[in-house]
Amino acid sequence: MFLGEYVHNIDSKGRLTLPAKYRAELAKGVVITRGVERCLLVFPVDAWETLANDITSLPFARKDARIFNRFFFGGASECAPDKQGRVLLPNNLRSYANLDGETIIVCLDKHMEIWNPERWRQAEEDMEEKIEIIAEGLAELGIL
């Protein structure tokens, strides 16, 4: 389970150090892809395979499913962390998420997000404005 928020820097070679406490879980490798909010998504290989199976089972005849498949899989990259827990973020993914230097890694149970700090601050503001309404909706569903 991934929890918390971390500030890490991308080095001059485009590598990002993943949080130390999760390196053992991520040692088998990760898949990094585009997130819909201009961040990057990081999945351990096992979690990626489960999600990939769900996505590829979407009806091919649906245009929105084909578009999402292109977006999600076309931008994906398999990465193996080195001994220091660093992964190389491909140029296309760094460019997509506007990542250079400082990043925010947000841990979300089964995956992580990598954010540009300014975009993350904007996302946090948006989240804070909406969280009360979202929590009420979840309570109606019996989740909270």
Protein backbone atom coordinates (compact mmCIF):
# COMPACT_ATOMS: atom_id res chain seq x y z
CA MET A 1 0.00 0.00 0.00
CA PHE A 2 1.39 3.39 -1.03
CA LEU A 3 0.61 6.36 1.23
CA GLY A 4 1.81 9.92 1.59
CA GLU A 5 3.27 12.75 -0.42
CA TYR A 6 6.96 13.21 -1.24
CA VAL A 7 9.08 15.91 -2.83
CA HIS A 8 11.79 14.47 -5.10
CA ASN A 9 13.92 15.93 -7.87
CA ILE A 10 14.51 14.76 -11.41
CA ASP A 11 18.25 14.70 -12.05
CA SER A 12 20.08 15.98 -15.14
CA LYS A 13 19.73 12.55 -16.78
CA GLY A 14 15.94 12.51 -16.39
CA ARG A 15 15.90 10.07 -13.47
CA LEU A 16 13.54 10.31 -10.53
CA THR A 17 14.17 8.62 -7.20
CA LEU A 18 11.11 6.80 -5.93
CA PRO A 19 10.29 6.96 -2.19
CA ALA A 20 12.75 4.75 -0.29
CA LYS A 21 10.11 2.99 1.80
CA TYR A 22 8.51 1.53 -1.37
CA ARG A 23 11.61 0.43 -3.26
CA ALA A 24 11.26 -3.25 -2.35
CA GLU A 25 7.66 -3.27 -3.65
CA LEU A 26 8.76 -1.60 -6.88
CA ALA A 27 11.96 -3.61 -7.46
CA LYS A 28 10.27 -5.90 -10.03
CA GLY A 29 9.62 -2.86 -12.17
CA VAL A 30 7.01 -0.22 -12.80
CA VAL A 31 4.95 1.05 -15.68
CA ILE A 32 4.67 4.81 -16.04
CA THR A 33 2.00 6.42 -18.20
CA ARG A 34 0.08 9.64 -18.73
CA GLY A 35 -2.59 10.63 -16.25
CA VAL A 36 -5.68 12.50 -17.39
CA GLU A 37 -4.78 15.53 -15.25
CA ARG A 38 -1.36 16.15 -16.84
CA CYS A 39 0.46 14.13 -14.20
CA LEU A 40 2.18 10.76 -14.58
CA LEU A 41 0.85 7.51 -13.15
CA VAL A 42 3.24 4.91 -11.70
CA PHE A 43 2.05 1.33 -11.29
CA PRO A 44 3.88 -1.70 -9.94
CA VAL A 45 3.91 -4.35 -12.68
CA ASP A 46 1.28 -6.53 -10.96
CA ALA A 47 -1.16 -3.63 -10.49
CA TRP A 48 -0.54 -2.54 -14.09
CA GLU A 49 -1.42 -5.99 -15.43
CA THR A 50 -4.71 -6.02 -13.52
CA LEU A 51 -5.65 -2.54 -14.74
CA ALA A 52 -4.49 -3.27 -18.30
CA ASN A 53 -6.75 -6.34 -18.43
CA ASP A 54 -9.72 -4.23 -17.33
CA ILE A 55 -9.00 -1.53 -19.91
CA THR A 56 -8.41 -3.91 -22.80
CA SER A 57 -11.73 -5.60 -22.05
CA LEU A 58 -13.58 -2.39 -22.97
CA PRO A 59 -15.63 -2.80 -26.17
CA PHE A 60 -13.41 -2.07 -29.16
CA ALA A 61 -16.39 -0.77 -31.12
CA ARG A 62 -16.67 2.20 -28.75
CA LYS A 63 -14.68 5.16 -29.98
CA ASP A 64 -14.08 6.49 -26.45
CA ALA A 65 -12.58 3.12 -25.45
CA ARG A 66 -10.21 3.20 -28.45
CA ILE A 67 -9.17 6.76 -27.66
CA PHE A 68 -8.53 5.91 -24.01
CA ASN A 69 -6.52 2.83 -25.00
CA ARG A 70 -4.31 4.99 -27.25
CA PHE A 71 -3.87 7.59 -24.53
CA PHE A 72 -3.15 5.11 -21.75
CA PHE A 73 -1.05 2.47 -23.50
CA GLY A 74 0.53 4.65 -26.18
CA GLY A 75 2.15 6.83 -23.54
CA ALA A 76 3.21 3.97 -21.27
CA SER A 77 6.79 2.98 -20.55
CA GLU A 78 8.16 0.03 -18.59
CA CYS A 79 10.91 1.06 -16.19
CA ALA A 80 13.18 -0.88 -13.88
CA PRO A 81 14.45 1.04 -10.86
CA ASP A 82 18.23 1.04 -10.46
CA LYS A 83 19.99 0.17 -7.18
CA GLN A 84 19.33 3.67 -5.86
CA GLY A 85 15.61 3.38 -6.63
CA ARG A 86 15.74 5.75 -9.60
CA VAL A 87 13.64 5.37 -12.73
CA LEU A 88 14.32 7.07 -16.03
CA LEU A 89 11.34 9.17 -17.04
CA PRO A 90 11.15 9.24 -20.84
CA ASN A 91 11.26 12.67 -22.48
CA ASN A 92 7.73 12.39 -23.86
CA LEU A 93 6.31 11.73 -20.39
CA ARG A 94 8.34 14.50 -18.73
CA SER A 95 7.15 16.89 -21.42
CA TYR A 96 3.51 15.80 -21.10
CA ALA A 97 3.48 16.46 -17.33
CA ASN A 98 5.79 19.50 -17.54
CA LEU A 99 8.31 17.88 -15.19
CA ASP A 100 11.78 19.31 -14.72
CA GLY A 101 13.59 19.47 -11.40
CA GLU A 102 11.32 19.33 -8.37
CA THR A 103 8.34 16.96 -8.45
CA ILE A 104 5.62 15.91 -6.06
CA ILE A 105 5.00 12.17 -5.73
CA VAL A 106 1.51 11.44 -4.41
CA CYS A 107 0.93 7.87 -3.20
CA LEU A 108 -2.59 6.53 -3.73
CA ASP A 109 -2.77 3.02 -2.30
CA LYS A 110 -2.07 0.89 -5.40
CA HIS A 111 -0.28 3.48 -7.55
CA MET A 112 1.54 6.80 -7.43
CA GLU A 113 1.18 10.08 -9.29
CA ILE A 114 4.07 12.35 -10.26
CA TRP A 115 3.15 16.03 -10.46
CA ASN A 116 4.67 19.31 -11.46
CA PRO A 117 4.60 21.27 -8.14
CA GLU A 118 2.53 24.16 -9.52
CA ARG A 119 -0.03 21.84 -11.10
CA TRP A 120 -0.20 19.87 -7.84
CA ARG A 121 -0.93 23.07 -5.86
CA GLN A 122 -3.75 23.86 -8.31
CA ALA A 123 -5.11 20.30 -8.01
CA GLU A 124 -5.00 20.56 -4.21
CA GLU A 125 -6.96 23.82 -4.27
CA ASP A 126 -9.56 22.25 -6.54
CA MET A 127 -9.71 19.18 -4.31
CA GLU A 128 -10.19 21.27 -1.16
CA GLU A 129 -13.07 23.16 -2.79
CA LYS A 130 -14.87 19.95 -3.77
CA ILE A 131 -14.00 17.44 -1.03
CA GLU A 132 -17.01 18.20 1.18
CA ILE A 133 -19.48 17.54 -1.64
CA ILE A 134 -17.57 14.43 -2.70
CA ALA A 135 -17.54 13.12 0.89
CA GLU A 136 -21.30 13.64 1.17
CA GLY A 137 -21.83 11.68 -2.05
CA LEU A 138 -19.65 8.84 -0.78
CA ALA A 139 -21.54 8.81 2.53
CA GLU A 140 -24.79 8.38 0.59
CA LEU A 141 -23.23 5.31 -1.02
CA GLY A 142 -22.27 3.97 2.42
CA ILE A 143 -18.52 4.37 1.83
CA LEU A 144 -17.83 7.04 4.48
